[in-house]
Amino acid sequence: MSLFGLGRNQRTFRPKKSAPSGSKGAQLRKHIDATLGSGNLREAVKLPTGEDLNEWLAVNTVDFFNQVNLLYGTLTEFCTNENCPTMTAGPKYEYRWADGEKIKKPIEVSAPKYVELLMDWIEGQLDNESLFPQKLGSPFPPNFKDVVKTIFKRLFRVYAHIYHSHFQKIVSLKEEAHLNTCFKHFILFTCEFVLIDRKELAPLQELIESIVVF
């Protein structure tokens, strides 16, 4: 299946989200595209001179959500309730779902259900204008970076599951180069702005150390 083809689970594979309209989103997107095009990911993650940190975090959060959504979307026929009855990242790590609102006590769900709940939750955050303002000049909330950190922590779990449970399938689909580039970009951005605690990164520690030295 093509990386940009639709998986069977249309619910999990969502339409691509765009940066907030009326913000500096479009301008920052052009900057991201230009720096990514240069092939220098370390430069691409840095806050552009004179730009607002929250704007930069917001635009990139939408981008990384889209990337993970696209990557996982190619695996939906392989990541099933039968093949992945729990959301794991290797034998040592299992993730249980809680959103702190509807589900306060973490529950065990299959990997595809976990990703579905996770993507629903992130979409809800991105669509909440009190968290991700749509209008130019609207203030970001005081806890904005905490919201972003939670989103990144949870997106990392999808990468961890893909690498531990589906990497051979990724290789057979000839998507490993794309997966590795997306993950490298994600980790360099995460490290640049200290978005995920080191203990949360443990399932992919060796891979991360090959990308960046803490």
N, C-alpha and C. Protein backbone atom coordinates (compact mmCIF):
# COMPACT_ATOMS: atom_id res chain seq x y z
N MET A 1 0.84 -1.20 0.00
CA MET A 1 0.00 0.00 0.00
C MET A 1 0.88 1.25 0.00
N SER A 2 0.48 2.22 -0.77
CA SER A 2 1.23 3.47 -0.81
C SER A 2 1.16 4.16 0.55
N LEU A 3 2.22 4.87 0.87
CA LEU A 3 2.25 5.61 2.13
C LEU A 3 1.09 6.60 2.19
N PHE A 4 0.69 7.11 1.05
CA PHE A 4 -0.37 8.12 1.04
C PHE A 4 -1.73 7.51 0.68
N GLY A 5 -1.78 6.16 0.64
CA GLY A 5 -3.05 5.50 0.40
C GLY A 5 -3.85 5.43 1.69
N LEU A 6 -5.13 5.19 1.56
CA LEU A 6 -5.98 5.11 2.74
C LEU A 6 -5.99 3.69 3.29
N GLY A 7 -5.86 3.59 4.60
CA GLY A 7 -6.03 2.29 5.25
C GLY A 7 -7.52 1.97 5.30
N ARG A 8 -7.84 0.76 5.74
CA ARG A 8 -9.25 0.38 5.79
C ARG A 8 -10.00 1.16 6.85
N ASN A 9 -9.30 1.49 7.91
CA ASN A 9 -9.97 2.17 9.03
C ASN A 9 -10.05 3.66 8.74
N GLN A 10 -11.12 4.05 8.08
CA GLN A 10 -11.26 5.46 7.69
C GLN A 10 -11.38 6.36 8.93
N ARG A 11 -11.86 5.78 10.03
CA ARG A 11 -12.01 6.59 11.26
C ARG A 11 -10.65 7.03 11.79
N THR A 12 -9.68 6.12 11.71
CA THR A 12 -8.36 6.45 12.23
C THR A 12 -7.60 7.35 11.27
N PHE A 13 -7.80 7.10 9.98
CA PHE A 13 -7.09 7.91 9.00
C PHE A 13 -7.91 9.17 8.74
N ARG A 14 -7.47 10.28 9.27
CA ARG A 14 -8.26 11.51 9.25
C ARG A 14 -7.82 12.45 8.14
N PRO A 15 -8.69 13.37 7.77
CA PRO A 15 -8.27 14.41 6.81
C PRO A 15 -7.13 15.22 7.41
N LYS A 16 -6.23 15.66 6.57
CA LYS A 16 -5.09 16.44 7.03
C LYS A 16 -5.58 17.76 7.63
N LYS A 17 -5.07 18.08 8.80
CA LYS A 17 -5.43 19.33 9.44
C LYS A 17 -4.50 20.43 8.96
N SER A 18 -5.02 21.64 8.89
CA SER A 18 -4.19 22.77 8.45
C SER A 18 -3.91 23.67 9.64
N ALA A 19 -2.88 24.51 9.48
CA ALA A 19 -2.52 25.45 10.53
C ALA A 19 -3.67 26.43 10.73
N PRO A 20 -3.79 26.99 11.93
CA PRO A 20 -4.88 27.95 12.19
C PRO A 20 -4.91 29.07 11.16
N SER A 21 -6.09 29.34 10.62
CA SER A 21 -6.21 30.43 9.65
C SER A 21 -6.18 31.76 10.39
N GLY A 22 -5.64 32.76 9.74
CA GLY A 22 -5.60 34.08 10.36
C GLY A 22 -4.45 34.26 11.31
N SER A 23 -3.71 33.18 11.60
CA SER A 23 -2.53 33.29 12.44
C SER A 23 -1.33 33.42 11.52
N LYS A 24 -0.15 33.31 12.09
CA LYS A 24 1.04 33.34 11.26
C LYS A 24 1.30 31.96 10.66
N GLY A 25 0.32 31.08 10.79
CA GLY A 25 0.50 29.70 10.38
C GLY A 25 1.06 29.52 8.98
N ALA A 26 0.44 30.19 8.00
CA ALA A 26 0.88 30.01 6.61
C ALA A 26 2.32 30.47 6.42
N GLN A 27 2.64 31.58 7.04
CA GLN A 27 4.01 32.12 6.95
C GLN A 27 5.01 31.16 7.57
N LEU A 28 4.67 30.63 8.74
CA LEU A 28 5.58 29.70 9.41
C LEU A 28 5.68 28.38 8.65
N ARG A 29 4.55 27.98 8.01
CA ARG A 29 4.60 26.75 7.21
C ARG A 29 5.60 26.88 6.07
N LYS A 30 5.62 28.05 5.44
CA LYS A 30 6.58 28.27 4.35
C LYS A 30 8.01 28.15 4.87
N HIS A 31 8.23 28.68 6.07
CA HIS A 31 9.57 28.59 6.68
C HIS A 31 9.93 27.12 6.93
N ILE A 32 8.98 26.36 7.46
CA ILE A 32 9.23 24.94 7.73
C ILE A 32 9.56 24.21 6.43
N ASP A 33 8.74 24.44 5.40
CA ASP A 33 8.97 23.77 4.12
C ASP A 33 10.34 24.11 3.55
N ALA A 34 10.72 25.39 3.66
CA ALA A 34 12.01 25.83 3.11
C ALA A 34 13.18 25.18 3.85
N THR A 35 13.10 25.15 5.19
CA THR A 35 14.22 24.59 5.95
C THR A 35 14.25 23.07 5.84
N LEU A 36 13.08 22.43 5.78
CA LEU A 36 13.06 20.98 5.58
C LEU A 36 13.63 20.63 4.21
N GLY A 37 13.32 21.47 3.24
CA GLY A 37 13.83 21.23 1.88
C GLY A 37 15.33 21.27 1.80
N SER A 38 15.96 21.99 2.74
CA SER A 38 17.42 22.07 2.74
C SER A 38 18.05 20.77 3.26
N GLY A 39 17.21 19.94 3.89
CA GLY A 39 17.71 18.66 4.41
C GLY A 39 18.35 18.76 5.78
N ASN A 40 18.39 19.96 6.35
CA ASN A 40 19.01 20.14 7.67
C ASN A 40 17.92 20.17 8.74
N LEU A 41 17.65 19.00 9.31
CA LEU A 41 16.55 18.91 10.28
C LEU A 41 16.86 19.66 11.57
N ARG A 42 18.14 19.73 11.94
CA ARG A 42 18.50 20.44 13.17
C ARG A 42 18.18 21.93 13.05
N GLU A 43 18.37 22.48 11.87
CA GLU A 43 18.03 23.88 11.64
C GLU A 43 16.51 24.05 11.52
N ALA A 44 15.87 23.06 10.92
CA ALA A 44 14.43 23.17 10.66
C ALA A 44 13.60 23.26 11.93
N VAL A 45 14.10 22.71 13.04
CA VAL A 45 13.30 22.71 14.27
C VAL A 45 13.47 23.99 15.09
N LYS A 46 14.47 24.78 14.79
CA LYS A 46 14.76 25.95 15.62
C LYS A 46 13.72 27.06 15.42
N LEU A 47 13.44 27.76 16.50
CA LEU A 47 12.50 28.87 16.44
C LEU A 47 13.06 29.96 15.54
N PRO A 48 12.34 30.33 14.48
CA PRO A 48 12.84 31.40 13.60
C PRO A 48 13.00 32.71 14.37
N THR A 49 14.00 33.47 14.01
CA THR A 49 14.29 34.73 14.68
C THR A 49 13.06 35.65 14.65
N GLY A 50 12.72 36.15 15.83
CA GLY A 50 11.63 37.12 15.93
C GLY A 50 10.23 36.53 15.97
N GLU A 51 10.14 35.20 15.89
CA GLU A 51 8.81 34.58 15.88
C GLU A 51 8.38 34.20 17.30
N ASP A 52 7.07 34.10 17.48
CA ASP A 52 6.49 33.74 18.78
C ASP A 52 6.61 32.23 19.02
N LEU A 53 7.10 31.86 20.19
CA LEU A 53 7.30 30.44 20.50
C LEU A 53 6.00 29.66 20.43
N ASN A 54 4.93 30.20 20.98
CA ASN A 54 3.67 29.46 20.99
C ASN A 54 3.13 29.24 19.57
N GLU A 55 3.27 30.25 18.70
CA GLU A 55 2.87 30.09 17.30
C GLU A 55 3.66 28.95 16.65
N TRP A 56 4.97 28.92 16.94
CA TRP A 56 5.85 27.90 16.36
C TRP A 56 5.46 26.51 16.86
N LEU A 57 5.19 26.41 18.15
CA LEU A 57 4.77 25.13 18.72
C LEU A 57 3.44 24.69 18.12
N ALA A 58 2.52 25.64 17.95
CA ALA A 58 1.19 25.30 17.44
C ALA A 58 1.25 24.75 16.02
N VAL A 59 1.96 25.46 15.14
CA VAL A 59 2.03 25.03 13.73
C VAL A 59 2.71 23.67 13.62
N ASN A 60 3.78 23.48 14.37
CA ASN A 60 4.50 22.20 14.31
C ASN A 60 3.69 21.07 14.93
N THR A 61 2.92 21.35 15.96
CA THR A 61 2.08 20.32 16.57
C THR A 61 1.09 19.78 15.55
N VAL A 62 0.47 20.68 14.78
CA VAL A 62 -0.45 20.25 13.72
C VAL A 62 0.30 19.40 12.69
N ASP A 63 1.50 19.83 12.31
CA ASP A 63 2.30 19.08 11.33
C ASP A 63 2.63 17.67 11.81
N PHE A 64 3.08 17.57 13.05
CA PHE A 64 3.47 16.25 13.58
C PHE A 64 2.26 15.35 13.75
N PHE A 65 1.12 15.92 14.12
CA PHE A 65 -0.12 15.15 14.18
C PHE A 65 -0.43 14.56 12.80
N ASN A 66 -0.33 15.39 11.76
CA ASN A 66 -0.60 14.93 10.39
C ASN A 66 0.37 13.83 9.98
N GLN A 67 1.65 13.99 10.33
CA GLN A 67 2.65 12.99 9.95
C GLN A 67 2.36 11.64 10.59
N VAL A 68 2.09 11.64 11.88
CA VAL A 68 1.83 10.38 12.58
C VAL A 68 0.54 9.75 12.06
N ASN A 69 -0.46 10.58 11.82
CA ASN A 69 -1.73 10.09 11.29
C ASN A 69 -1.51 9.40 9.95
N LEU A 70 -0.68 9.99 9.10
CA LEU A 70 -0.40 9.43 7.78
C LEU A 70 0.36 8.11 7.89
N LEU A 71 1.38 8.10 8.74
CA LEU A 71 2.18 6.88 8.90
C LEU A 71 1.34 5.73 9.45
N TYR A 72 0.59 6.00 10.50
CA TYR A 72 -0.22 4.95 11.08
C TYR A 72 -1.32 4.51 10.12
N GLY A 73 -1.80 5.44 9.31
CA GLY A 73 -2.86 5.12 8.36
C GLY A 73 -2.49 4.02 7.38
N THR A 74 -1.21 3.83 7.12
CA THR A 74 -0.77 2.78 6.19
C THR A 74 -0.75 1.41 6.87
N LEU A 75 -0.92 1.40 8.20
CA LEU A 75 -0.79 0.14 8.95
C LEU A 75 -2.11 -0.37 9.50
N THR A 76 -3.20 0.33 9.22
CA THR A 76 -4.45 -0.01 9.90
C THR A 76 -4.94 -1.42 9.57
N GLU A 77 -4.60 -1.97 8.40
CA GLU A 77 -5.05 -3.33 8.12
C GLU A 77 -4.17 -4.38 8.79
N PHE A 78 -3.02 -3.95 9.32
CA PHE A 78 -2.09 -4.86 10.01
C PHE A 78 -2.15 -4.70 11.53
N CYS A 79 -2.41 -3.47 11.98
CA CYS A 79 -2.54 -3.20 13.41
C CYS A 79 -4.02 -3.37 13.77
N THR A 80 -4.38 -4.59 14.14
CA THR A 80 -5.78 -4.92 14.41
C THR A 80 -5.96 -5.35 15.86
N ASN A 81 -7.21 -5.47 16.27
CA ASN A 81 -7.50 -5.93 17.64
C ASN A 81 -6.91 -7.31 17.89
N GLU A 82 -6.88 -8.14 16.83
CA GLU A 82 -6.36 -9.49 16.97
C GLU A 82 -4.83 -9.48 17.05
N ASN A 83 -4.19 -8.73 16.17
CA ASN A 83 -2.72 -8.70 16.14
C ASN A 83 -2.12 -7.90 17.29
N CYS A 84 -2.82 -6.86 17.71
CA CYS A 84 -2.30 -5.96 18.75
C CYS A 84 -3.37 -5.74 19.82
N PRO A 85 -3.64 -6.77 20.64
CA PRO A 85 -4.72 -6.65 21.63
C PRO A 85 -4.46 -5.64 22.74
N THR A 86 -3.19 -5.26 22.91
CA THR A 86 -2.85 -4.19 23.86
C THR A 86 -1.92 -3.20 23.17
N MET A 87 -1.88 -1.99 23.69
CA MET A 87 -1.01 -0.94 23.12
C MET A 87 0.36 -1.05 23.80
N THR A 88 1.29 -1.66 23.09
CA THR A 88 2.60 -1.89 23.68
C THR A 88 3.71 -1.24 22.85
N ALA A 89 4.89 -1.16 23.48
CA ALA A 89 6.12 -0.74 22.80
C ALA A 89 7.20 -1.71 23.25
N GLY A 90 7.13 -2.93 22.71
CA GLY A 90 8.03 -3.97 23.16
C GLY A 90 7.47 -4.65 24.41
N PRO A 91 8.18 -5.65 24.93
CA PRO A 91 7.67 -6.43 26.07
C PRO A 91 7.62 -5.67 27.39
N LYS A 92 8.39 -4.58 27.52
CA LYS A 92 8.48 -3.89 28.81
C LYS A 92 7.46 -2.76 28.98
N TYR A 93 6.87 -2.30 27.89
CA TYR A 93 6.05 -1.08 27.98
C TYR A 93 4.65 -1.31 27.42
N GLU A 94 3.67 -1.01 28.27
CA GLU A 94 2.27 -1.07 27.85
C GLU A 94 1.62 0.26 28.20
N TYR A 95 0.84 0.77 27.26
CA TYR A 95 0.15 2.04 27.47
C TYR A 95 -1.34 1.80 27.67
N ARG A 96 -1.90 2.43 28.70
CA ARG A 96 -3.33 2.37 28.94
C ARG A 96 -3.92 3.75 28.72
N TRP A 97 -5.18 3.80 28.31
CA TRP A 97 -5.75 5.08 27.90
C TRP A 97 -6.53 5.76 29.02
N ALA A 98 -6.28 7.06 29.16
CA ALA A 98 -7.10 7.94 30.00
C ALA A 98 -6.97 9.33 29.42
N ASP A 99 -8.08 10.05 29.35
CA ASP A 99 -8.01 11.42 28.84
C ASP A 99 -8.19 12.45 29.95
N GLY A 100 -8.42 11.96 31.18
CA GLY A 100 -8.57 12.88 32.30
C GLY A 100 -9.94 13.53 32.38
N GLU A 101 -10.81 13.25 31.40
CA GLU A 101 -12.14 13.85 31.38
C GLU A 101 -13.21 12.75 31.36
N LYS A 102 -13.39 12.15 30.18
CA LYS A 102 -14.37 11.06 30.07
C LYS A 102 -13.85 9.79 30.73
N ILE A 103 -12.56 9.55 30.57
CA ILE A 103 -11.94 8.34 31.14
C ILE A 103 -10.81 8.79 32.07
N LYS A 104 -11.07 8.75 33.36
CA LYS A 104 -10.08 9.24 34.32
C LYS A 104 -9.17 8.13 34.82
N LYS A 105 -9.70 6.93 34.92
CA LYS A 105 -8.88 5.79 35.34
C LYS A 105 -8.39 5.07 34.10
N PRO A 106 -7.05 4.92 33.93
CA PRO A 106 -6.51 4.30 32.72
C PRO A 106 -7.12 2.92 32.46
N ILE A 107 -7.51 2.70 31.20
CA ILE A 107 -8.11 1.43 30.81
C ILE A 107 -7.24 0.74 29.75
N GLU A 108 -7.29 -0.59 29.77
CA GLU A 108 -6.55 -1.36 28.77
C GLU A 108 -7.40 -1.48 27.51
N VAL A 109 -6.83 -1.07 26.38
CA VAL A 109 -7.52 -1.19 25.10
C VAL A 109 -6.54 -1.72 24.06
N SER A 110 -7.06 -2.18 22.95
CA SER A 110 -6.19 -2.65 21.87
C SER A 110 -5.42 -1.47 21.28
N ALA A 111 -4.34 -1.77 20.56
CA ALA A 111 -3.54 -0.70 19.96
C ALA A 111 -4.36 0.15 18.99
N PRO A 112 -5.14 -0.44 18.07
CA PRO A 112 -5.92 0.42 17.17
C PRO A 112 -6.94 1.28 17.91
N LYS A 113 -7.54 0.73 18.98
CA LYS A 113 -8.50 1.53 19.76
C LYS A 113 -7.77 2.66 20.47
N TYR A 114 -6.58 2.36 21.01
CA TYR A 114 -5.79 3.39 21.69
C TYR A 114 -5.49 4.53 20.72
N VAL A 115 -5.02 4.18 19.52
CA VAL A 115 -4.66 5.22 18.55
C VAL A 115 -5.90 6.02 18.14
N GLU A 116 -7.02 5.33 17.98
CA GLU A 116 -8.26 6.03 17.63
C GLU A 116 -8.65 7.04 18.72
N LEU A 117 -8.62 6.58 19.98
CA LEU A 117 -8.95 7.48 21.10
C LEU A 117 -7.95 8.63 21.19
N LEU A 118 -6.68 8.31 20.96
CA LEU A 118 -5.62 9.32 21.01
C LEU A 118 -5.82 10.38 19.94
N MET A 119 -6.06 9.94 18.70
CA MET A 119 -6.25 10.89 17.61
C MET A 119 -7.51 11.73 17.80
N ASP A 120 -8.57 11.10 18.32
CA ASP A 120 -9.79 11.86 18.65
C ASP A 120 -9.47 12.95 19.67
N TRP A 121 -8.71 12.56 20.70
CA TRP A 121 -8.38 13.50 21.77
C TRP A 121 -7.53 14.65 21.22
N ILE A 122 -6.52 14.34 20.41
CA ILE A 122 -5.66 15.41 19.87
C ILE A 122 -6.48 16.34 18.97
N GLU A 123 -7.33 15.75 18.14
CA GLU A 123 -8.18 16.60 17.28
C GLU A 123 -9.02 17.55 18.11
N GLY A 124 -9.53 17.05 19.22
CA GLY A 124 -10.32 17.90 20.11
C GLY A 124 -9.51 19.06 20.66
N GLN A 125 -8.24 18.79 20.98
CA GLN A 125 -7.36 19.85 21.47
C GLN A 125 -7.09 20.88 20.36
N LEU A 126 -6.77 20.38 19.17
CA LEU A 126 -6.44 21.28 18.05
C LEU A 126 -7.63 22.13 17.63
N ASP A 127 -8.84 21.58 17.78
CA ASP A 127 -10.05 22.31 17.37
C ASP A 127 -10.58 23.24 18.46
N ASN A 128 -9.99 23.17 19.64
CA ASN A 128 -10.44 24.01 20.76
C ASN A 128 -9.75 25.37 20.67
N GLU A 129 -10.52 26.39 20.30
CA GLU A 129 -9.92 27.72 20.05
C GLU A 129 -9.39 28.37 21.32
N SER A 130 -9.81 27.89 22.48
CA SER A 130 -9.24 28.45 23.71
C SER A 130 -7.84 27.90 23.96
N LEU A 131 -7.52 26.77 23.31
CA LEU A 131 -6.17 26.18 23.42
C LEU A 131 -5.31 26.54 22.21
N PHE A 132 -5.87 26.37 21.01
CA PHE A 132 -5.17 26.68 19.76
C PHE A 132 -5.95 27.79 19.05
N PRO A 133 -5.65 29.05 19.38
CA PRO A 133 -6.41 30.18 18.82
C PRO A 133 -6.37 30.19 17.29
N GLN A 134 -7.52 30.51 16.70
CA GLN A 134 -7.62 30.57 15.24
C GLN A 134 -7.39 31.98 14.70
N LYS A 135 -7.67 32.97 15.53
CA LYS A 135 -7.62 34.35 15.03
C LYS A 135 -6.30 35.02 15.39
N LEU A 136 -5.82 35.82 14.45
CA LEU A 136 -4.57 36.56 14.64
C LEU A 136 -4.67 37.44 15.88
N GLY A 137 -3.69 37.35 16.75
CA GLY A 137 -3.64 38.18 17.94
C GLY A 137 -4.35 37.60 19.14
N SER A 138 -5.11 36.51 18.94
CA SER A 138 -5.76 35.87 20.10
C SER A 138 -4.68 35.24 20.98
N PRO A 139 -4.79 35.42 22.30
CA PRO A 139 -3.74 34.90 23.18
C PRO A 139 -3.78 33.39 23.34
N PHE A 140 -2.62 32.81 23.53
CA PHE A 140 -2.54 31.39 23.89
C PHE A 140 -2.75 31.27 25.39
N PRO A 141 -3.32 30.16 25.86
CA PRO A 141 -3.55 30.01 27.30
C PRO A 141 -2.22 29.84 28.05
N PRO A 142 -2.20 30.17 29.35
CA PRO A 142 -0.97 30.05 30.13
C PRO A 142 -0.41 28.63 30.16
N ASN A 143 -1.29 27.63 30.04
CA ASN A 143 -0.85 26.22 30.11
C ASN A 143 -0.59 25.63 28.73
N PHE A 144 -0.41 26.48 27.71
CA PHE A 144 -0.31 25.98 26.34
C PHE A 144 0.83 24.97 26.16
N LYS A 145 1.99 25.27 26.71
CA LYS A 145 3.11 24.34 26.51
C LYS A 145 2.82 23.00 27.18
N ASP A 146 2.11 23.00 28.31
CA ASP A 146 1.76 21.74 28.96
C ASP A 146 0.84 20.90 28.07
N VAL A 147 -0.10 21.57 27.38
CA VAL A 147 -0.99 20.87 26.45
C VAL A 147 -0.16 20.25 25.32
N VAL A 148 0.77 21.04 24.77
CA VAL A 148 1.63 20.55 23.68
C VAL A 148 2.46 19.37 24.15
N LYS A 149 2.98 19.45 25.37
CA LYS A 149 3.81 18.36 25.90
C LYS A 149 3.00 17.06 26.00
N THR A 150 1.76 17.16 26.43
CA THR A 150 0.93 15.96 26.52
C THR A 150 0.66 15.38 25.14
N ILE A 151 0.40 16.24 24.16
CA ILE A 151 0.18 15.77 22.78
C ILE A 151 1.43 15.06 22.27
N PHE A 152 2.60 15.65 22.48
CA PHE A 152 3.84 15.04 21.98
C PHE A 152 4.13 13.72 22.68
N LYS A 153 3.90 13.67 23.98
CA LYS A 153 4.11 12.42 24.73
C LYS A 153 3.26 11.30 24.13
N ARG A 154 2.04 11.61 23.79
CA ARG A 154 1.13 10.59 23.27
C ARG A 154 1.44 10.24 21.81
N LEU A 155 1.85 11.23 21.01
CA LEU A 155 2.26 10.92 19.64
C LEU A 155 3.49 10.02 19.64
N PHE A 156 4.40 10.25 20.59
CA PHE A 156 5.58 9.39 20.70
C PHE A 156 5.18 7.93 20.90
N ARG A 157 4.13 7.69 21.66
CA ARG A 157 3.70 6.32 21.92
C ARG A 157 3.28 5.60 20.64
N VAL A 158 2.72 6.36 19.69
CA VAL A 158 2.36 5.75 18.40
C VAL A 158 3.64 5.36 17.65
N TYR A 159 4.63 6.25 17.65
CA TYR A 159 5.92 5.90 17.03
C TYR A 159 6.52 4.66 17.71
N ALA A 160 6.48 4.63 19.03
CA ALA A 160 7.07 3.50 19.76
C ALA A 160 6.38 2.20 19.39
N HIS A 161 5.06 2.24 19.26
CA HIS A 161 4.32 1.03 18.87
C HIS A 161 4.68 0.61 17.44
N ILE A 162 4.74 1.58 16.53
CA ILE A 162 5.07 1.27 15.14
C ILE A 162 6.45 0.61 15.05
N TYR A 163 7.43 1.19 15.71
CA TYR A 163 8.79 0.64 15.64
C TYR A 163 8.88 -0.76 16.26
N HIS A 164 8.21 -0.95 17.39
CA HIS A 164 8.34 -2.24 18.08
C HIS A 164 7.45 -3.34 17.47
N SER A 165 6.29 -2.97 16.97
CA SER A 165 5.33 -4.00 16.53
C SER A 165 5.18 -4.12 15.01
N HIS A 166 5.55 -3.07 14.28
CA HIS A 166 5.24 -3.07 12.84
C HIS A 166 6.41 -2.69 11.94
N PHE A 167 7.61 -2.67 12.48
CA PHE A 167 8.72 -2.19 11.65
C PHE A 167 8.97 -3.09 10.44
N GLN A 168 8.84 -4.40 10.61
CA GLN A 168 9.05 -5.30 9.47
C GLN A 168 8.03 -5.04 8.36
N LYS A 169 6.82 -4.73 8.76
CA LYS A 169 5.80 -4.39 7.75
C LYS A 169 6.15 -3.07 7.07
N ILE A 170 6.64 -2.10 7.85
CA ILE A 170 7.09 -0.83 7.27
C ILE A 170 8.18 -1.08 6.23
N VAL A 171 9.12 -1.97 6.56
CA VAL A 171 10.21 -2.30 5.63
C VAL A 171 9.65 -2.94 4.37
N SER A 172 8.70 -3.86 4.53
CA SER A 172 8.13 -4.54 3.36
C SER A 172 7.36 -3.56 2.47
N LEU A 173 6.82 -2.50 3.08
CA LEU A 173 6.12 -1.47 2.31
C LEU A 173 7.08 -0.41 1.76
N LYS A 174 8.38 -0.60 2.08
CA LYS A 174 9.43 0.34 1.64
C LYS A 174 9.18 1.76 2.17
N GLU A 175 8.72 1.82 3.43
CA GLU A 175 8.44 3.11 4.05
C GLU A 175 9.43 3.46 5.15
N GLU A 176 10.46 2.60 5.37
CA GLU A 176 11.32 2.84 6.54
C GLU A 176 12.08 4.15 6.46
N ALA A 177 12.51 4.56 5.25
CA ALA A 177 13.26 5.82 5.14
C ALA A 177 12.36 7.00 5.53
N HIS A 178 11.11 6.95 5.09
CA HIS A 178 10.18 8.02 5.43
C HIS A 178 9.87 8.02 6.93
N LEU A 179 9.63 6.83 7.47
CA LEU A 179 9.37 6.72 8.91
C LEU A 179 10.55 7.28 9.71
N ASN A 180 11.76 6.89 9.35
CA ASN A 180 12.95 7.33 10.09
C ASN A 180 13.15 8.83 10.00
N THR A 181 12.88 9.41 8.84
CA THR A 181 13.02 10.87 8.68
C THR A 181 11.98 11.60 9.52
N CYS A 182 10.73 11.12 9.48
CA CYS A 182 9.67 11.74 10.28
C CYS A 182 10.00 11.66 11.77
N PHE A 183 10.48 10.49 12.20
CA PHE A 183 10.79 10.32 13.62
C PHE A 183 11.98 11.18 14.04
N LYS A 184 12.98 11.26 13.19
CA LYS A 184 14.14 12.11 13.50
C LYS A 184 13.71 13.56 13.66
N HIS A 185 12.88 14.04 12.75
CA HIS A 185 12.37 15.41 12.82
C HIS A 185 11.60 15.61 14.13
N PHE A 186 10.74 14.64 14.46
CA PHE A 186 9.93 14.70 15.68
C PHE A 186 10.81 14.76 16.92
N ILE A 187 11.85 13.91 16.98
CA ILE A 187 12.71 13.85 18.17
C ILE A 187 13.57 15.10 18.29
N LEU A 188 14.09 15.60 17.18
CA LEU A 188 14.91 16.82 17.25
C LEU A 188 14.06 18.00 17.72
N PHE A 189 12.81 18.07 17.28
CA PHE A 189 11.92 19.14 17.73
C PHE A 189 11.61 18.96 19.21
N THR A 190 11.33 17.73 19.60
CA THR A 190 11.04 17.43 21.00
C THR A 190 12.19 17.84 21.91
N CYS A 191 13.41 17.53 21.50
CA CYS A 191 14.58 17.85 22.31
C CYS A 191 14.86 19.35 22.33
N GLU A 192 14.64 20.01 21.20
CA GLU A 192 14.88 21.46 21.11
C GLU A 192 14.04 22.23 22.13
N PHE A 193 12.80 21.78 22.35
CA PHE A 193 11.89 22.51 23.23
C PHE A 193 11.52 21.73 24.50
N VAL A 194 12.25 20.65 24.76
CA VAL A 194 12.08 19.84 25.98
C VAL A 194 10.61 19.50 26.20
N LEU A 195 10.05 18.73 25.26
CA LEU A 195 8.61 18.46 25.29
C LEU A 195 8.24 17.10 25.88
N ILE A 196 9.21 16.17 25.98
CA ILE A 196 8.91 14.86 26.54
C ILE A 196 9.98 14.49 27.57
N ASP A 197 9.54 14.03 28.74
CA ASP A 197 10.49 13.60 29.77
C ASP A 197 11.31 12.42 29.27
N ARG A 198 12.55 12.36 29.68
CA ARG A 198 13.45 11.31 29.20
C ARG A 198 12.93 9.91 29.50
N LYS A 199 12.31 9.74 30.66
CA LYS A 199 11.82 8.39 31.01
C LYS A 199 10.74 7.92 30.04
N GLU A 200 9.98 8.86 29.47
CA GLU A 200 8.95 8.50 28.50
C GLU A 200 9.55 8.02 27.18
N LEU A 201 10.80 8.43 26.92
CA LEU A 201 11.47 8.08 25.67
C LEU A 201 12.17 6.72 25.72
N ALA A 202 12.15 6.08 26.90
CA ALA A 202 12.91 4.85 27.12
C ALA A 202 12.65 3.74 26.10
N PRO A 203 11.40 3.54 25.61
CA PRO A 203 11.17 2.43 24.67
C PRO A 203 11.99 2.53 23.38
N LEU A 204 12.40 3.73 23.01
CA LEU A 204 13.19 3.92 21.77
C LEU A 204 14.53 4.59 22.07
N GLN A 205 15.03 4.37 23.28
CA GLN A 205 16.23 5.08 23.73
C GLN A 205 17.42 4.90 22.79
N GLU A 206 17.68 3.68 22.38
CA GLU A 206 18.85 3.43 21.51
C GLU A 206 18.72 4.15 20.20
N LEU A 207 17.54 4.10 19.61
CA LEU A 207 17.30 4.79 18.35
C LEU A 207 17.46 6.30 18.52
N ILE A 208 16.93 6.82 19.63
CA ILE A 208 17.02 8.26 19.88
C ILE A 208 18.46 8.69 20.07
N GLU A 209 19.25 7.88 20.77
CA GLU A 209 20.64 8.23 20.99
C GLU A 209 21.43 8.26 19.68
N SER A 210 20.99 7.49 18.70
CA SER A 210 21.66 7.53 17.40
C SER A 210 21.29 8.80 16.62
N ILE A 211 20.21 9.46 17.06
CA ILE A 211 19.74 10.68 16.38
C ILE A 211 20.31 11.93 17.04
N VAL A 212 20.31 11.94 18.38
CA VAL A 212 20.69 13.16 19.09
C VAL A 212 21.36 12.78 20.40
N VAL A 213 22.35 13.54 20.77
CA VAL A 213 23.02 13.34 22.06
C VAL A 213 22.40 14.32 23.04
N PHE A 214 21.86 13.79 24.14
CA PHE A 214 21.22 14.67 25.13
C PHE A 214 22.26 15.55 25.80
